[in-house]
């Protein structure tokens, strides 16, 4: 594991993954609110038509399922995702082939996964997948890391990250006090868990070193 923050180096490294004999899969990992989605989109924009983003969040379990399991108040924790479905999709994407693969997306406004929302085409030589738990070293999640050619870990100032999370929850309908309580009770324990596994990353990137890029 090493640290880097040079945009051209990141883009070139991703291009090498796209140029391999089979489709490459690059993971972008980090705690909640760090900017993974923004980073992944910015990277794919630089790479062009050869790359596509497939987020882990498309595998959130539905709220009704989480309620039945008693996990709704922990939505976003590792056991609130369909990890086996996510791993199976990554394995299918690695196989490549001529037929499109349709991956799910996650609608933050509705708080639901949308099946078949992201077409991964034969010409997509690199899939960038982003999520909190790509590096989690547990029996359920180790298979996800095994599907990734590389995984980069994104960091940010914790105060900035927590403020982003509160603002995000408010934008999506929570009162400010409830948003702050959710961040402290749910998002931050998840962030601490994610941080414990950063040593498994190939690169660690401080998004504060990429302000123009991360701003889109």
Foldseek 3Di string as FASTA:
>chain_A
DEADADPVVVLVVQVVQLPDPFAAEEEEAAAAQLQQVLLVVLSDVVVPPQEDEAEQLLFFADLVVCVVVVNNLQGQAPVRGPLVVVLVVLVVRRVADQDWDFGWDADLLVRHIDGRPDTDGSSRRYYYYYGHCCQQPDPSRPSSVVSHPFYEYEDEDPVNSLVSQLVSVVVSPDPSVVSNVSCVPHRVVSNVSSVVRNVVHPYYYYCVSVVVSSVD
